[in-house]
Structure formats: structure tokens, C-alpha cells
């Protein structure tokens, strides 16, 4: 029987639930993190939980109990006997009625669940969205449960034959994917948008920056179609490091290219070591 962890207690997934007045359900008022489990160990858990705390602070929510979350993650991995899986931590503002306003005293709700997965392939296809991401919005840089924009844009991208959508920001520069960060390679040098472009500080993005290196700078969307850009790859917890084989009508015949493969090999080594980097 699959179990979930809700507010410190293990429950059978089939019978578990949250109140209909939970503000995460009513308004999308919550934060979340997705971790990957490889060979029975959660990868980079500390970084993910640190970011969950940053998102909670940015939303004006109390910080979650990180020690309890570490414990809950470990309990679920053992109880559900997962080897390769994703772990989703959802942290909401708790019950607050049917309006936009929160309760005077916020009592957050925490849910941890696991799901078996097959790791993503080494390559992917992107579609550049016709809608911008607001880099100056109140949620910019926060990993919140308000995800309808991503759901709609990703569905549109799949209609175009792509696997992931890529957002520009309001000034026409590259921002991020629906759940990924983007990197371009020009003359052997890796470039990626800065956080000021509106993108999330992805855990995999940070690890690539630290271990492989990249120049953070504003990148115009037109750069994607510039012949001087010879490789493009995206990063995320579940995609890890993925070479991009096509963006709209532009193809990258060498994908994954040599620079992308270097980043893939570096990240694969980190995961094999099963560390908490």
C-alpha cells in the first residue's frame, strides 16, 4: 500500500485528503519542491528544502520544519520501497475559507508523496511560447503551486510537437521553461539567463553553474536561431541535463553536443555519488 506523509503522519494514499477549504486548493496559495530518488536516496535534498524555505518567506508564510521534512522524506522512501522515483513536497497556507484572504493565524499544511518514474531521455524538443513570463511579478523566482500558466503553455507546446515550452520575459529575452532552466553554447562558452530575467534558481542549474560554469547574461530570444549558437540544453531535477534537438523549426543535428555531454557527465557523476551537494 502506497503511503503519503501529511503534517507529520503517514497515511494510506488511497484514503488521504485535505480539507476543501485548504488555501492551496482554493487559491494555489502554496509552495512546492520536487526531488528525485536514485537508488533509494533523495538527491540534493538540503538544497531543495532550502529553496522551499526561501519560497515560503517570499510568500509571507512561516518557514517549514526542515528537520521534520528530512525525516518524512526518509520514512516515505523506506515505507514505499522506492528506488527511482520523484518526491513531491507541497506546503500550503492551510485552511482559510473560499476567499483570497488568508486566516489571521496561518497554520500551514505539508504533504509529501512519492511516484515511481522513468528517468528522462538525453534529448528534448522545445517550443518558444507566444506568452511572456513576468520577470517583475510578485511570484518571480518563487516555486509556488500557482501553476496554471505552466500547464496551459506546456499543453500548447505538446500540440506543436515539443516536449517542453520556453518562455520569453516581458522585454523579449529568454527566461525559462515550464519546469526547466535553459543554457546556450556559443564558441564553446556556456550562457544562461540571470535570475533577474525572471527564471527560477533551479537546483540543477546551480549545480551546473558551480561544477561546469556558465556566463549569466541577458539573452535575446533571437539568439536561439543564431548560427553561432551551436548547442542548447535544459536542466531540471527530473530532466537533469538534456540536450535540445529542436526549437521550433531550428534543429541541432549534433545534439547532445560536446559541451552538453560534459555537463551531462558531470551531473551523472554527482548522482552516482548519491551525495547531498
Protein backbone atom coordinates (compact mmCIF):
# COMPACT_ATOMS: atom_id res chain seq x y z
CA UNK A 1 0.00 0.00 0.00
CA UNK A 2 1.43 3.39 -1.05
CA UNK A 3 1.75 5.87 1.79
CA UNK A 4 1.86 9.66 1.91
CA UNK A 5 3.08 11.95 4.68
CA UNK A 6 0.69 14.69 5.83
CA UNK A 7 1.61 17.03 8.67
CA UNK A 8 3.96 14.51 10.24
CA UNK A 9 1.78 11.41 9.91
CA UNK A 10 1.98 8.55 7.42
CA UNK A 11 -1.36 7.76 5.79
CA UNK A 12 -2.54 5.40 3.09
CA UNK A 13 -2.57 7.35 -0.17
CA UNK A 14 -5.93 5.99 -1.31
CA UNK A 15 -7.72 7.38 1.74
CA UNK A 16 -5.71 10.55 2.29
CA UNK A 17 -7.07 14.02 1.59
CA UNK A 18 -7.01 17.67 2.54
CA UNK A 19 -9.93 19.93 3.57
CA UNK A 20 -11.85 21.60 0.75
CA UNK A 21 -11.04 24.97 2.35
CA UNK A 22 -7.26 24.48 2.06
CA UNK A 23 -5.84 27.67 0.54
CA UNK A 24 -3.53 25.66 -1.70
CA UNK A 25 -6.59 24.09 -3.31
CA UNK A 26 -8.77 27.22 -3.31
CA UNK A 27 -6.17 29.78 -4.45
CA UNK A 28 -2.98 27.94 -5.33
CA UNK A 29 -1.53 29.53 -2.20
CA UNK A 30 1.43 27.30 -1.53
CA UNK A 31 4.99 26.31 -2.32
CA UNK A 32 6.38 23.02 -3.56
CA UNK A 33 9.53 21.12 -4.36
CA UNK A 34 10.16 18.05 -6.49
CA UNK A 35 13.12 15.83 -5.62
CA UNK A 36 14.43 12.78 -7.42
CA UNK A 37 15.23 9.49 -5.69
CA UNK A 38 18.01 7.44 -7.25
CA UNK A 39 18.88 4.01 -5.87
CA UNK A 40 16.82 4.72 -2.77
CA UNK A 41 18.38 8.08 -1.87
CA UNK A 42 16.93 11.57 -2.31
CA UNK A 43 19.33 13.71 -4.34
CA UNK A 44 20.22 17.26 -3.19
CA UNK A 45 17.52 17.25 -0.51
CA UNK A 46 19.11 20.04 1.51
CA UNK A 47 19.18 22.40 -1.47
CA UNK A 48 15.55 21.67 -2.26
CA UNK A 49 14.42 22.26 1.30
CA UNK A 50 16.44 25.48 1.49
CA UNK A 51 14.61 26.70 -1.61
CA UNK A 52 11.26 25.66 -0.15
CA UNK A 53 12.06 27.89 2.82
CA UNK A 54 13.01 30.77 0.50
CA UNK A 55 9.73 30.43 -1.38
CA UNK A 56 7.77 30.32 1.89
CA UNK A 57 9.48 33.51 3.07
CA UNK A 58 8.84 35.17 -0.29
CA UNK A 59 5.14 34.31 0.03
CA UNK A 60 4.90 35.55 3.59
CA UNK A 61 4.37 32.05 5.00
CA UNK A 62 6.05 30.59 8.08
CA UNK A 63 9.08 28.51 7.21
CA UNK A 64 8.52 24.74 7.23
CA UNK A 65 10.18 22.45 9.75
CA UNK A 66 13.14 21.27 7.69
CA UNK A 67 14.19 18.58 10.17
CA UNK A 68 10.69 17.07 10.07
CA UNK A 69 10.72 17.16 6.25
CA UNK A 70 14.05 15.33 6.09
CA UNK A 71 12.56 12.71 8.40
CA UNK A 72 9.35 12.44 6.36
CA UNK A 73 11.28 12.00 3.10
CA UNK A 74 13.34 9.20 4.62
CA UNK A 75 10.28 7.46 6.06
CA UNK A 76 8.46 7.53 2.72
CA UNK A 77 11.43 6.18 0.77
CA UNK A 78 11.65 3.22 3.13
CA UNK A 79 7.90 2.65 3.53
CA UNK A 80 7.11 2.87 -0.21
CA UNK A 81 10.27 0.96 -1.16
CA UNK A 82 11.08 3.39 -3.96
CA UNK A 83 14.32 3.15 -5.92
CA UNK A 84 13.89 5.55 -8.86
CA UNK A 85 11.10 7.99 -8.10
CA UNK A 86 10.12 11.59 -7.60
CA UNK A 87 9.15 13.08 -4.27
CA UNK A 88 6.75 16.00 -4.21
CA UNK A 89 6.60 18.25 -1.15
CA UNK A 90 3.57 20.54 -1.12
CA UNK A 91 3.40 23.26 1.52
CA UNK A 92 0.17 25.27 1.64
CA UNK A 93 -1.18 28.17 3.68
CA UNK A 94 -3.65 25.79 5.33
CA UNK A 95 -7.40 26.18 5.68
CA UNK A 96 -8.64 29.72 5.07
CA UNK A 97 -12.12 29.64 3.58
CA UNK A 98 -13.10 30.29 -0.02
CA UNK A 99 -11.71 33.81 -0.49
CA UNK A 100 -8.28 35.17 -1.37
CA UNK A 101 -7.50 36.30 2.17
CA UNK A 102 -5.54 34.04 4.49
CA UNK A 103 -6.56 33.17 8.02
CA UNK A 104 -5.40 35.62 10.67
CA UNK A 105 -3.24 32.85 12.10
CA UNK A 106 -1.71 30.75 9.33
CA UNK A 107 -1.38 27.05 10.11
CA UNK A 108 0.43 25.59 7.08
CA UNK A 109 -0.23 22.11 5.75
CA UNK A 110 2.58 19.88 4.49
CA UNK A 111 2.17 16.91 2.16
CA UNK A 112 4.91 14.59 0.90
CA UNK A 113 4.17 11.98 -1.75
CA UNK A 114 6.22 9.66 -3.97
CA UNK A 115 5.73 8.42 -7.50
CA UNK A 116 7.80 5.91 -9.47
CA UNK A 117 9.32 7.40 -12.63
CA UNK A 118 11.45 6.55 -15.64
CA UNK A 119 14.38 8.96 -15.92
CA UNK A 120 14.13 11.45 -18.79
CA UNK A 121 15.95 10.84 -22.12
CA UNK A 122 19.16 12.61 -23.08
CA UNK A 123 17.45 14.95 -25.61
CA UNK A 124 14.30 17.04 -25.83
CA UNK A 125 12.37 19.39 -28.15
CA UNK A 126 11.36 22.95 -27.20
CA UNK A 127 8.70 25.35 -28.43
CA UNK A 128 9.08 29.08 -27.82
CA UNK A 129 5.89 30.35 -26.17
CA UNK A 130 3.92 33.30 -27.53
CA UNK A 131 3.24 34.43 -23.94
CA UNK A 132 5.83 36.19 -21.76
CA UNK A 133 6.84 35.38 -18.21
CA UNK A 134 6.62 38.46 -15.99
CA UNK A 135 10.10 38.91 -14.52
CA UNK A 136 8.77 41.72 -12.31
CA UNK A 137 5.74 39.82 -10.99
CA UNK A 138 5.16 39.14 -7.32
CA UNK A 139 5.85 35.42 -7.85
CA UNK A 140 9.01 35.83 -9.95
CA UNK A 141 11.70 33.45 -8.73
CA UNK A 142 9.36 31.60 -6.35
CA UNK A 143 8.37 27.94 -6.77
CA UNK A 144 4.67 28.18 -6.00
CA UNK A 145 1.71 25.89 -6.59
CA UNK A 146 0.12 28.56 -8.83
CA UNK A 147 1.00 26.54 -11.92
CA UNK A 148 -1.91 27.03 -14.33
CA UNK A 149 0.22 29.21 -16.63
CA UNK A 150 2.72 26.38 -16.99
CA UNK A 151 0.02 23.75 -17.50
CA UNK A 152 -1.61 25.69 -20.35
CA UNK A 153 1.67 26.63 -22.03
CA UNK A 154 3.05 23.09 -21.81
CA UNK A 155 -0.13 21.67 -23.33
CA UNK A 156 0.25 24.18 -26.19
CA UNK A 157 3.89 23.15 -26.70
CA UNK A 158 2.94 19.50 -26.93
CA UNK A 159 0.40 20.39 -29.61
CA UNK A 160 3.36 21.82 -31.54
CA UNK A 161 5.21 18.50 -31.23
CA UNK A 162 7.52 19.68 -28.43
CA UNK A 163 8.27 18.21 -25.01
CA UNK A 164 8.83 21.48 -23.14
CA UNK A 165 7.81 25.11 -23.52
CA UNK A 166 10.26 28.01 -23.31
CA UNK A 167 9.10 31.40 -22.05
CA UNK A 168 10.44 34.81 -23.05
CA UNK A 169 10.15 37.57 -20.48
CA UNK A 170 8.39 40.90 -20.95
CA UNK A 171 11.38 42.52 -22.66
CA UNK A 172 11.83 39.69 -25.16
CA UNK A 173 14.75 37.93 -23.53
CA UNK A 174 14.92 34.27 -22.59
CA UNK A 175 13.51 33.37 -19.20
CA UNK A 176 12.92 29.66 -18.52
CA UNK A 177 10.89 26.59 -19.37
CA UNK A 178 7.73 25.47 -17.62
CA UNK A 179 9.91 23.46 -15.26
CA UNK A 180 13.46 23.92 -16.51
CA UNK A 181 16.32 26.36 -17.00
CA UNK A 182 17.97 26.96 -20.37
CA UNK A 183 21.64 27.13 -21.41
CA UNK A 184 23.15 28.12 -24.79
CA UNK A 185 26.62 27.32 -26.10
CA UNK A 186 28.44 29.83 -28.30
CA UNK A 187 32.11 29.32 -29.28
CA UNK A 188 32.41 26.66 -26.59
CA UNK A 189 31.21 29.02 -23.84
CA UNK A 190 28.01 28.34 -21.90
CA UNK A 191 25.50 31.15 -21.35
CA UNK A 192 22.32 31.18 -19.27
CA UNK A 193 19.81 33.89 -18.30
CA UNK A 194 20.41 35.60 -14.93
CA UNK A 195 17.85 35.32 -12.16
CA UNK A 196 16.88 38.93 -12.90
CA UNK A 197 15.40 37.65 -16.19
CA UNK A 198 12.64 36.08 -14.08
CA UNK A 199 13.78 32.46 -14.01
CA UNK A 200 13.72 30.17 -11.01
CA UNK A 201 17.01 29.41 -9.30
CA UNK A 202 16.91 25.75 -10.30
CA UNK A 203 18.82 23.28 -8.14
CA UNK A 204 20.26 21.56 -11.21
CA UNK A 205 21.02 24.98 -12.72
CA UNK A 206 23.01 25.91 -9.61
CA UNK A 207 24.94 22.65 -9.65
CA UNK A 208 25.86 23.11 -13.32
CA UNK A 209 26.96 26.68 -12.66
CA UNK A 210 29.14 25.51 -9.78
CA UNK A 211 30.62 22.42 -11.44
CA UNK A 212 30.78 23.27 -15.14
CA UNK A 213 30.48 27.04 -15.21
CA UNK A 214 28.44 29.44 -17.34
CA UNK A 215 28.16 33.15 -18.05
CA UNK A 216 24.93 34.67 -16.74
CA UNK A 217 23.69 37.37 -19.08
CA UNK A 218 20.53 38.63 -20.76
CA UNK A 219 19.92 36.55 -23.89
CA UNK A 220 17.57 37.62 -26.65
CA UNK A 221 15.12 35.02 -27.94
CA UNK A 222 16.51 35.54 -31.43
CA UNK A 223 19.81 34.06 -30.19
CA UNK A 224 18.19 30.64 -30.29
CA UNK A 225 18.21 30.84 -34.08
CA UNK A 226 21.67 32.40 -34.46
CA UNK A 227 24.11 30.01 -36.24
CA UNK A 228 26.80 30.96 -33.73
CA UNK A 229 24.78 29.12 -31.06
CA UNK A 230 25.78 25.51 -31.69
CA UNK A 231 24.25 23.77 -28.67
CA UNK A 232 21.31 24.30 -26.34
CA UNK A 233 20.46 22.30 -23.24
CA UNK A 234 17.96 22.50 -20.41
CA UNK A 235 18.27 21.46 -16.79
CA UNK A 236 15.82 20.43 -14.08
CA UNK A 237 15.51 17.91 -11.28
CA UNK A 238 13.80 15.29 -13.43
CA UNK A 239 15.26 16.26 -16.82
CA UNK A 240 18.73 16.55 -15.26
CA UNK A 241 20.83 17.84 -18.21
CA UNK A 242 19.03 17.41 -21.54
CA UNK A 243 20.37 18.30 -24.93
CA UNK A 244 17.90 20.15 -27.18
CA UNK A 245 17.48 18.62 -30.63
CA UNK A 246 14.96 21.16 -31.96
CA UNK A 247 13.48 24.57 -31.08
CA UNK A 248 10.50 25.43 -33.25
CA UNK A 249 11.85 24.89 -36.79
CA UNK A 250 15.56 25.01 -35.90
CA UNK A 251 17.27 21.66 -35.46
CA UNK A 252 20.55 20.85 -33.70
CA UNK A 253 21.85 17.82 -35.53
CA UNK A 254 24.75 17.22 -33.18
CA UNK A 255 22.63 17.13 -30.01
CA UNK A 256 23.80 16.41 -27.42
CA UNK A 257 26.95 18.28 -28.41
CA UNK A 258 30.35 18.01 -26.69
CA UNK A 259 29.74 20.82 -24.17
CA UNK A 260 26.33 19.43 -23.29
CA UNK A 261 27.79 15.96 -22.85
CA UNK A 262 30.42 17.36 -20.49
CA UNK A 263 27.64 18.82 -18.35
CA UNK A 264 25.69 15.54 -18.54
CA UNK A 265 28.70 13.53 -17.45
CA UNK A 266 29.40 15.88 -14.55
CA UNK A 267 25.81 15.69 -13.34
CA UNK A 268 25.63 11.90 -13.78
CA UNK A 269 28.71 11.59 -11.57
CA UNK A 270 27.06 13.69 -8.87
CA UNK A 271 24.01 11.46 -8.93
CA UNK A 272 26.06 8.27 -8.87
CA UNK A 273 27.78 9.51 -5.74
CA UNK A 274 24.31 9.96 -4.20
CA UNK A 275 25.59 12.94 -2.25
CA UNK A 276 23.64 15.87 -0.81
CA UNK A 277 25.66 18.52 -2.70
